Amino acid sequence: MTKKAGPAVAATAHPWSVPVKVDQIPDDGLHRDIEASAEACDGVAALAEVRSVSGLSASLDLAHDGALLHLTGRVRGRVGQHCVVTLEPIETEIDEAVDVTFSRTAGEKGTQEPRRRDATDEAPEPLTGGTVDIGAIATEFLILGIDPYPRKSGVEFTPPSDENDDPHPFAALAALKDRSDSGQA
């Protein structure tokens, strides 16, 4: 059974789109500074399921490396969430590094077998259609940088005390065990 996206997810699947055509990237690379509109920030907040996103921007560099396309840079933004301890609204600054390598699919101009720099390198992401959406990638990295359990500064979770005088369900068994341990039966 396939899960279908609800209306909120379907409407916000790509709230911040900044497509760049790969064949328009010069041989010496391309630098882009991008900033999301208020509408795009609202869409990213809905997608990330947070209270708000503001000041969303990215500074990215795209460079050819043979059949590979390397995207590096930083994504920054301010995310409004709720403290998991106090439930008070809090703001968090996100500053995430972006580092992704793409491989053009067979048959595209300039395609050759992609090479890995060493055995620990991850396989490159496939790049189809000749376009990379740097806004969507920046959105993904922002969401990866969001703390899933944010806490207000200085707040620690304290579990409730177990000072309940009510007998627990196994109190009678514990009393029998105590009597048998002390030699009374």
Protein backbone atom coordinates (compact mmCIF):
# COMPACT_ATOMS: atom_id res chain seq x y z
CA MET A 1 0.00 0.00 0.00
CA THR A 2 1.44 3.37 -1.01
CA LYS A 3 1.21 6.33 1.36
CA LYS A 4 -0.23 9.42 -0.25
CA ALA A 5 0.77 12.90 0.78
CA GLY A 6 -1.94 14.92 2.46
CA PRO A 7 -3.07 18.27 1.06
CA ALA A 8 -0.62 20.25 3.23
CA VAL A 9 2.35 18.16 2.12
CA ALA A 10 1.33 18.08 -1.54
CA ALA A 11 0.98 21.87 -1.65
CA THR A 12 4.38 22.41 -0.03
CA ALA A 13 6.44 19.69 -1.76
CA HIS A 14 8.83 22.31 -3.23
CA PRO A 15 8.08 25.59 -1.48
CA TRP A 16 11.45 27.13 -2.39
CA SER A 17 12.50 26.38 -5.95
CA VAL A 18 15.58 27.92 -7.59
CA PRO A 19 16.39 25.80 -10.65
CA VAL A 20 19.82 26.04 -12.29
CA LYS A 21 20.44 24.47 -15.69
CA VAL A 22 23.60 22.37 -15.56
CA ASP A 23 24.65 23.28 -19.11
CA GLN A 24 24.63 26.98 -18.11
CA ILE A 25 27.22 26.46 -15.35
CA PRO A 26 30.56 27.79 -16.64
CA ASP A 27 33.66 25.58 -16.58
CA ASP A 28 35.11 27.71 -13.76
CA GLY A 29 31.96 27.21 -11.66
CA LEU A 30 28.99 29.28 -10.56
CA HIS A 31 28.26 31.07 -7.28
CA ARG A 32 24.70 31.84 -6.18
CA ASP A 33 23.46 33.74 -3.13
CA ILE A 34 19.73 33.06 -2.79
CA GLU A 35 17.11 34.26 -0.33
CA ALA A 36 13.65 32.79 0.20
CA SER A 37 10.55 34.96 0.04
CA ALA A 38 8.19 35.16 3.02
CA GLU A 39 5.79 32.88 1.13
CA ALA A 40 8.57 30.32 0.52
CA CYS A 41 9.56 30.50 4.22
CA ASP A 42 5.95 29.75 5.19
CA GLY A 43 5.96 26.76 2.84
CA VAL A 44 9.25 25.48 4.27
CA ALA A 45 7.84 25.86 7.81
CA ALA A 46 4.80 23.79 6.83
CA LEU A 47 7.00 21.16 5.19
CA ALA A 48 9.30 20.99 8.25
CA GLU A 49 6.31 21.02 10.62
CA VAL A 50 7.70 23.90 12.68
CA ARG A 51 6.05 27.08 13.93
CA SER A 52 7.92 29.41 11.55
CA VAL A 53 10.94 29.88 9.29
CA SER A 54 12.45 33.29 8.60
CA GLY A 55 15.62 34.73 7.12
CA LEU A 56 16.15 31.65 4.96
CA SER A 57 19.14 32.10 2.66
CA ALA A 58 21.90 30.10 1.05
CA SER A 59 25.32 30.81 -0.41
CA LEU A 60 26.18 28.03 -2.84
CA ASP A 61 28.89 27.12 -5.34
CA LEU A 62 28.38 24.73 -8.24
CA ALA A 63 31.41 23.25 -10.01
CA HIS A 64 31.92 20.64 -12.72
CA ASP A 65 34.24 17.74 -11.94
CA GLY A 66 34.24 15.59 -15.06
CA ALA A 67 30.85 13.91 -15.23
CA LEU A 68 30.13 15.05 -11.69
CA LEU A 69 28.59 18.28 -10.43
CA HIS A 70 29.67 19.37 -6.96
CA LEU A 71 27.43 21.67 -4.88
CA THR A 72 28.90 23.21 -1.73
CA GLY A 73 28.05 26.12 0.52
CA ARG A 74 25.91 27.06 3.52
CA VAL A 75 22.23 27.43 4.28
CA ARG A 76 21.06 29.70 7.10
CA GLY A 77 17.72 30.48 8.65
CA ARG A 78 15.82 31.13 11.85
CA VAL A 79 13.36 28.43 12.92
CA GLY A 80 10.52 28.91 15.38
CA GLN A 81 9.64 25.82 17.39
CA HIS A 82 8.23 24.93 20.80
CA CYS A 83 10.40 23.80 23.72
CA VAL A 84 9.76 20.09 24.36
CA VAL A 85 9.99 20.69 28.12
CA THR A 86 8.12 23.95 28.73
CA LEU A 87 6.14 24.13 25.45
CA GLU A 88 7.13 27.81 25.23
CA PRO A 89 7.95 29.22 21.78
CA ILE A 90 11.68 29.38 21.02
CA GLU A 91 13.77 30.53 18.07
CA THR A 92 16.76 28.57 16.79
CA GLU A 93 19.45 29.73 14.38
CA ILE A 94 20.31 27.13 11.73
CA ASP A 95 23.65 27.27 9.91
CA GLU A 96 24.27 24.08 7.93
CA ALA A 97 27.04 23.16 5.52
CA VAL A 98 25.92 21.88 2.12
CA ASP A 99 28.03 19.33 0.26
CA VAL A 100 26.40 17.22 -2.46
CA THR A 101 27.82 15.55 -5.55
CA PHE A 102 25.62 14.75 -8.53
CA SER A 103 26.23 12.44 -11.47
CA ARG A 104 24.62 13.04 -14.83
CA THR A 105 22.68 10.09 -16.18
CA ALA A 106 23.92 8.15 -19.19
CA GLY A 107 23.23 9.76 -22.52
CA GLU A 108 23.51 13.38 -21.33
CA LYS A 109 26.06 15.73 -22.84
CA GLY A 110 29.49 15.36 -21.24
CA THR A 111 28.58 12.11 -19.50
CA GLN A 112 31.28 9.63 -18.70
CA GLU A 113 31.67 7.08 -15.97
CA PRO A 114 31.69 8.97 -12.64
CA ARG A 115 34.77 8.45 -10.51
CA ARG A 116 35.04 8.34 -6.77
CA ARG A 117 37.88 10.14 -5.06
CA ASP A 118 38.41 7.24 -2.62
CA ALA A 119 36.59 4.21 -1.23
CA THR A 120 34.95 6.18 1.59
CA ASP A 121 33.21 8.65 -0.75
CA GLU A 122 29.47 8.25 -1.06
CA ALA A 123 28.01 7.49 -4.45
CA PRO A 124 26.89 10.65 -6.23
CA GLU A 125 23.22 11.56 -6.42
CA PRO A 126 21.69 11.01 -9.85
CA LEU A 127 21.00 14.19 -11.81
CA THR A 128 18.27 13.88 -14.38
CA GLY A 129 16.69 16.48 -16.59
CA GLY A 130 19.77 18.68 -16.76
CA THR A 131 18.62 20.92 -13.88
CA VAL A 132 19.54 21.10 -10.21
CA ASP A 133 17.09 22.85 -7.85
CA ILE A 134 19.37 24.62 -5.37
CA GLY A 135 16.38 26.02 -3.43
CA ALA A 136 15.01 22.53 -2.82
CA ILE A 137 18.46 21.28 -1.78
CA ALA A 138 18.91 24.21 0.60
CA THR A 139 15.48 23.39 2.06
CA GLU A 140 16.53 19.78 2.67
CA PHE A 141 19.72 20.82 4.45
CA LEU A 142 17.85 23.38 6.59
CA ILE A 143 15.37 20.69 7.65
CA LEU A 144 18.24 18.29 8.44
CA GLY A 145 19.68 20.98 10.74
CA ILE A 146 16.49 21.38 12.79
CA ASP A 147 16.68 19.94 16.31
CA PRO A 148 13.78 17.47 16.64
CA TYR A 149 13.71 18.00 20.43
CA PRO A 150 14.44 21.69 20.99
CA ARG A 151 14.87 22.98 24.54
CA LYS A 152 14.81 26.49 25.85
CA SER A 153 18.27 27.53 27.04
CA GLY A 154 18.98 26.34 30.60
CA VAL A 155 15.88 24.13 30.83
CA GLU A 156 16.30 20.52 31.89
CA PHE A 157 13.66 17.83 31.96
CA THR A 158 12.91 16.59 35.47
CA PRO A 159 10.85 13.39 35.61
CA PRO A 160 7.95 13.39 38.06
CA SER A 161 8.81 12.12 41.52
CA ASP A 162 7.62 8.69 42.57
CA GLU A 163 6.44 9.80 45.98
CA ASN A 164 3.01 8.36 45.50
CA ASP A 165 1.84 6.61 48.68
CA ASP A 166 -0.77 4.59 46.81
CA PRO A 167 0.03 0.88 46.80
CA HIS A 168 1.28 -0.37 43.49
CA PRO A 169 -0.24 -3.48 41.90
CA PHE A 170 2.50 -5.83 43.13
CA ALA A 171 2.76 -4.46 46.68
CA ALA A 172 1.28 -7.67 48.16
CA LEU A 173 3.83 -9.82 46.32
CA ALA A 174 6.67 -7.57 47.46
CA ALA A 175 5.46 -7.92 51.07
CA LEU A 176 5.40 -11.74 50.75
CA LYS A 177 8.92 -11.71 49.27
CA ASP A 178 10.18 -9.48 52.11
CA ARG A 179 8.64 -11.86 54.70
CA SER A 180 10.19 -14.93 53.02
CA ASP A 181 13.62 -13.19 52.81
CA SER A 182 13.55 -12.44 56.52
CA GLY A 183 12.69 -16.02 57.46
CA GLN A 184 9.02 -15.50 58.20
CA ALA A 185 6.58 -17.64 56.29
